[in-house]
Amino acid sequence: MRRVGTDARDIDLPDSCADTVTSAWTLCTIPDLSLALAEARRILRPGGQFRFVEHSLAQTPRIQKIQNTIQPAWGPIAGGCHLNRDILQLLQQAGFEITEQTSKYAIGFPPARPWSWFITGIAVNNK
């Protein structure tokens, strides 16, 4: 295992060199997420796994509306976090295949809290 502390939008590693890339609570804050996901896919070998746990756009329209409404104020006070990013859709648009995923509210938070919706899963690089 090797940890690479770098900008996710410009990773100094060769193509197809990694078996696994992990992301925990970071995809919501990366300014150019499509570029970061392209970099993750570039360094993953074919069949490599992108494992993630992230905030995401909730599945229910009522909570989505709240997330979209509070986002302009939430982002600046929460380190650039975007509660309303549809992480699964963005991973698929980047060319990943979602092979496992669980979406739920964090334990201990009432379901109406828009910042408590999260997803965990595995996306595979099928290039």
C-alpha atoms as a PDB file:
ATOM      1  CA  MET A   1       0.000   0.000   0.000  1.00  0.00           C
ATOM      2  CA  ARG A   2       1.236   3.453  -0.875  1.00  0.00           C
ATOM      3  CA  ARG A   3      -0.425   6.700   0.138  1.00  0.00           C
ATOM      4  CA  VAL A   4      -0.030   9.502  -2.365  1.00  0.00           C
ATOM      5  CA  GLY A   5      -0.759  12.921  -0.881  1.00  0.00           C
ATOM      6  CA  THR A   6      -1.421  15.061  -3.909  1.00  0.00           C
ATOM      7  CA  ASP A   7      -3.999  17.081  -5.799  1.00  0.00           C
ATOM      8  CA  ALA A   8      -6.594  14.601  -7.037  1.00  0.00           C
ATOM      9  CA  ARG A   9      -6.854  16.526 -10.302  1.00  0.00           C
ATOM     10  CA  ASP A  10      -3.188  15.925 -11.198  1.00  0.00           C
ATOM     11  CA  ILE A  11      -1.804  12.686  -9.765  1.00  0.00           C
ATOM     12  CA  ASP A  12       1.899  12.074 -10.350  1.00  0.00           C
ATOM     13  CA  LEU A  13       1.609   8.344 -11.038  1.00  0.00           C
ATOM     14  CA  PRO A  14       1.809   6.330 -14.252  1.00  0.00           C
ATOM     15  CA  ASP A  15      -1.250   5.027 -16.068  1.00  0.00           C
ATOM     16  CA  SER A  16      -2.823   1.777 -14.821  1.00  0.00           C
ATOM     17  CA  CYS A  17      -0.511   1.486 -11.804  1.00  0.00           C
ATOM     18  CA  ALA A  18      -3.046   1.119  -8.963  1.00  0.00           C
ATOM     19  CA  ASP A  19      -5.300  -1.738  -7.932  1.00  0.00           C
ATOM     20  CA  THR A  20      -7.449   0.436  -5.666  1.00  0.00           C
ATOM     21  CA  VAL A  21      -8.188   4.115  -5.135  1.00  0.00           C
ATOM     22  CA  THR A  22     -10.091   5.162  -2.012  1.00  0.00           C
ATOM     23  CA  SER A  23     -12.071   8.302  -1.278  1.00  0.00           C
ATOM     24  CA  ALA A  24     -13.648   9.206   2.054  1.00  0.00           C
ATOM     25  CA  TRP A  25     -15.681  12.394   2.406  1.00  0.00           C
ATOM     26  CA  THR A  26     -13.694  14.224  -0.287  1.00  0.00           C
ATOM     27  CA  LEU A  27     -15.625  14.086  -3.575  1.00  0.00           C
ATOM     28  CA  CYS A  28     -18.048  16.700  -2.263  1.00  0.00           C
ATOM     29  CA  THR A  29     -15.263  19.312  -2.009  1.00  0.00           C
ATOM     30  CA  ILE A  30     -13.101  18.829  -5.118  1.00  0.00           C
ATOM     31  CA  PRO A  31     -13.660  21.869  -7.399  1.00  0.00           C
ATOM     32  CA  ASP A  32     -13.296  19.997 -10.717  1.00  0.00           C
ATOM     33  CA  LEU A  33     -14.635  16.581  -9.815  1.00  0.00           C
ATOM     34  CA  SER A  34     -14.787  15.287 -13.393  1.00  0.00           C
ATOM     35  CA  LEU A  35     -11.039  15.887 -13.759  1.00  0.00           C
ATOM     36  CA  ALA A  36     -10.303  14.166 -10.433  1.00  0.00           C
ATOM     37  CA  LEU A  37     -12.391  11.135 -11.392  1.00  0.00           C
ATOM     38  CA  ALA A  38     -10.671  10.967 -14.781  1.00  0.00           C
ATOM     39  CA  GLU A  39      -7.313  10.926 -12.963  1.00  0.00           C
ATOM     40  CA  ALA A  40      -8.487   8.156 -10.636  1.00  0.00           C
ATOM     41  CA  ARG A  41      -9.629   6.139 -13.618  1.00  0.00           C
ATOM     42  CA  ARG A  42      -6.349   6.813 -15.451  1.00  0.00           C
ATOM     43  CA  ILE A  43      -4.179   5.437 -12.645  1.00  0.00           C
ATOM     44  CA  LEU A  44      -6.419   2.422 -11.974  1.00  0.00           C
ATOM     45  CA  ARG A  45      -5.590  -0.756 -13.835  1.00  0.00           C
ATOM     46  CA  PRO A  46      -8.447  -2.275 -15.861  1.00  0.00           C
ATOM     47  CA  GLY A  47     -10.733  -3.934 -13.330  1.00  0.00           C
ATOM     48  CA  GLY A  48      -9.310  -1.780 -10.513  1.00  0.00           C
ATOM     49  CA  GLN A  49     -11.615  -0.581  -7.761  1.00  0.00           C
ATOM     50  CA  PHE A  50     -12.584   2.904  -6.659  1.00  0.00           C
ATOM     51  CA  ARG A  51     -13.892   2.505  -3.085  1.00  0.00           C
ATOM     52  CA  PHE A  52     -15.818   5.398  -1.606  1.00  0.00           C
ATOM     53  CA  VAL A  53     -17.862   6.770   1.269  1.00  0.00           C
ATOM     54  CA  GLU A  54     -19.291  10.196   0.468  1.00  0.00           C
ATOM     55  CA  HIS A  55     -22.043  12.742   1.010  1.00  0.00           C
ATOM     56  CA  SER A  56     -24.439  12.646  -1.907  1.00  0.00           C
ATOM     57  CA  LEU A  57     -27.681  13.970  -3.271  1.00  0.00           C
ATOM     58  CA  ALA A  58     -30.483  12.274  -1.323  1.00  0.00           C
ATOM     59  CA  GLN A  59     -32.954   9.984  -3.056  1.00  0.00           C
ATOM     60  CA  THR A  60     -36.092  11.729  -1.827  1.00  0.00           C
ATOM     61  CA  PRO A  61     -37.262  14.861  -3.670  1.00  0.00           C
ATOM     62  CA  ARG A  62     -38.073  16.684  -0.397  1.00  0.00           C
ATOM     63  CA  ILE A  63     -34.516  16.308   0.946  1.00  0.00           C
ATOM     64  CA  GLN A  64     -33.049  17.082  -2.504  1.00  0.00           C
ATOM     65  CA  LYS A  65     -34.969  20.365  -2.479  1.00  0.00           C
ATOM     66  CA  ILE A  66     -33.544  21.229   0.941  1.00  0.00           C
ATOM     67  CA  GLN A  67     -30.022  20.288  -0.195  1.00  0.00           C
ATOM     68  CA  ASN A  68     -30.315  22.454  -3.301  1.00  0.00           C
ATOM     69  CA  THR A  69     -31.774  25.359  -1.321  1.00  0.00           C
ATOM     70  CA  ILE A  70     -29.104  25.438   1.394  1.00  0.00           C
ATOM     71  CA  GLN A  71     -26.143  24.663  -0.899  1.00  0.00           C
ATOM     72  CA  PRO A  72     -25.192  28.311  -1.648  1.00  0.00           C
ATOM     73  CA  ALA A  73     -24.767  28.983   2.092  1.00  0.00           C
ATOM     74  CA  TRP A  74     -23.533  25.507   3.058  1.00  0.00           C
ATOM     75  CA  GLY A  75     -20.581  25.357   0.665  1.00  0.00           C
ATOM     76  CA  PRO A  76     -18.678  28.370   2.023  1.00  0.00           C
ATOM     77  CA  ILE A  77     -19.166  27.416   5.681  1.00  0.00           C
ATOM     78  CA  ALA A  78     -18.417  23.710   5.154  1.00  0.00           C
ATOM     79  CA  GLY A  79     -15.089  23.868   3.325  1.00  0.00           C
ATOM     80  CA  GLY A  80     -16.588  23.810  -0.160  1.00  0.00           C
ATOM     81  CA  CYS A  81     -18.776  20.750   0.467  1.00  0.00           C
ATOM     82  CA  HIS A  82     -21.492  20.193  -2.141  1.00  0.00           C
ATOM     83  CA  LEU A  83     -24.320  18.271  -0.476  1.00  0.00           C
ATOM     84  CA  ASN A  84     -26.203  18.148  -3.748  1.00  0.00           C
ATOM     85  CA  ARG A  85     -23.690  16.272  -5.912  1.00  0.00           C
ATOM     86  CA  ASP A  86     -25.063  13.024  -7.305  1.00  0.00           C
ATOM     87  CA  ILE A  87     -21.910  10.998  -6.699  1.00  0.00           C
ATOM     88  CA  LEU A  88     -23.154   7.761  -8.292  1.00  0.00           C
ATOM     89  CA  GLN A  89     -24.176   9.562 -11.468  1.00  0.00           C
ATOM     90  CA  LEU A  90     -20.843  11.410 -11.606  1.00  0.00           C
ATOM     91  CA  LEU A  91     -18.900   8.156 -11.186  1.00  0.00           C
ATOM     92  CA  GLN A  92     -20.895   6.570 -14.008  1.00  0.00           C
ATOM     93  CA  GLN A  93     -20.380   9.612 -16.238  1.00  0.00           C
ATOM     94  CA  ALA A  94     -16.637   9.279 -15.594  1.00  0.00           C
ATOM     95  CA  GLY A  95     -16.736   5.732 -16.991  1.00  0.00           C
ATOM     96  CA  PHE A  96     -16.909   3.690 -13.788  1.00  0.00           C
ATOM     97  CA  GLU A  97     -19.283   0.775 -13.294  1.00  0.00           C
ATOM     98  CA  ILE A  98     -20.949   0.792  -9.870  1.00  0.00           C
ATOM     99  CA  THR A  99     -20.734  -2.800  -8.614  1.00  0.00           C
ATOM    100  CA  GLU A 100     -21.698  -2.261  -4.966  1.00  0.00           C
ATOM    101  CA  GLN A 101     -23.448   0.601  -3.221  1.00  0.00           C
ATOM    102  CA  THR A 102     -25.373   1.396  -0.082  1.00  0.00           C
ATOM    103  CA  SER A 103     -27.177   4.686   0.460  1.00  0.00           C
ATOM    104  CA  LYS A 104     -28.584   5.762   3.822  1.00  0.00           C
ATOM    105  CA  TYR A 105     -28.809   8.399   6.501  1.00  0.00           C
ATOM    106  CA  ALA A 106     -26.017   8.447   9.052  1.00  0.00           C
ATOM    107  CA  ILE A 107     -26.916   6.809  12.359  1.00  0.00           C
ATOM    108  CA  GLY A 108     -27.877   9.311  15.025  1.00  0.00           C
ATOM    109  CA  PHE A 109     -29.135  11.954  12.602  1.00  0.00           C
ATOM    110  CA  PRO A 110     -32.850  12.554  12.022  1.00  0.00           C
ATOM    111  CA  PRO A 111     -33.732  11.655   8.413  1.00  0.00           C
ATOM    112  CA  ALA A 112     -34.647  15.251   7.596  1.00  0.00           C
ATOM    113  CA  ARG A 113     -31.053  16.429   7.960  1.00  0.00           C
ATOM    114  CA  PRO A 114     -29.807  17.013   4.425  1.00  0.00           C
ATOM    115  CA  TRP A 115     -26.146  16.648   5.392  1.00  0.00           C
ATOM    116  CA  SER A 116     -26.618  13.145   6.837  1.00  0.00           C
ATOM    117  CA  TRP A 117     -27.318  11.313   3.540  1.00  0.00           C
ATOM    118  CA  PHE A 118     -24.311   9.324   2.368  1.00  0.00           C
ATOM    119  CA  ILE A 119     -23.304   6.494   0.087  1.00  0.00           C
ATOM    120  CA  THR A 120     -20.667   3.796   0.267  1.00  0.00           C
ATOM    121  CA  GLY A 121     -19.619   1.565  -2.549  1.00  0.00           C
ATOM    122  CA  ILE A 122     -17.258   0.184  -5.108  1.00  0.00           C
ATOM    123  CA  ALA A 123     -16.925   1.433  -8.671  1.00  0.00           C
ATOM    124  CA  VAL A 124     -14.862  -0.582 -11.140  1.00  0.00           C
ATOM    125  CA  ASN A 125     -12.670   0.764 -13.902  1.00  0.00           C
ATOM    126  CA  ASN A 126     -13.761  -1.177 -16.980  1.00  0.00           C
ATOM    127  CA  LYS A 127     -11.496   0.510 -19.514  1.00  0.00           C
END
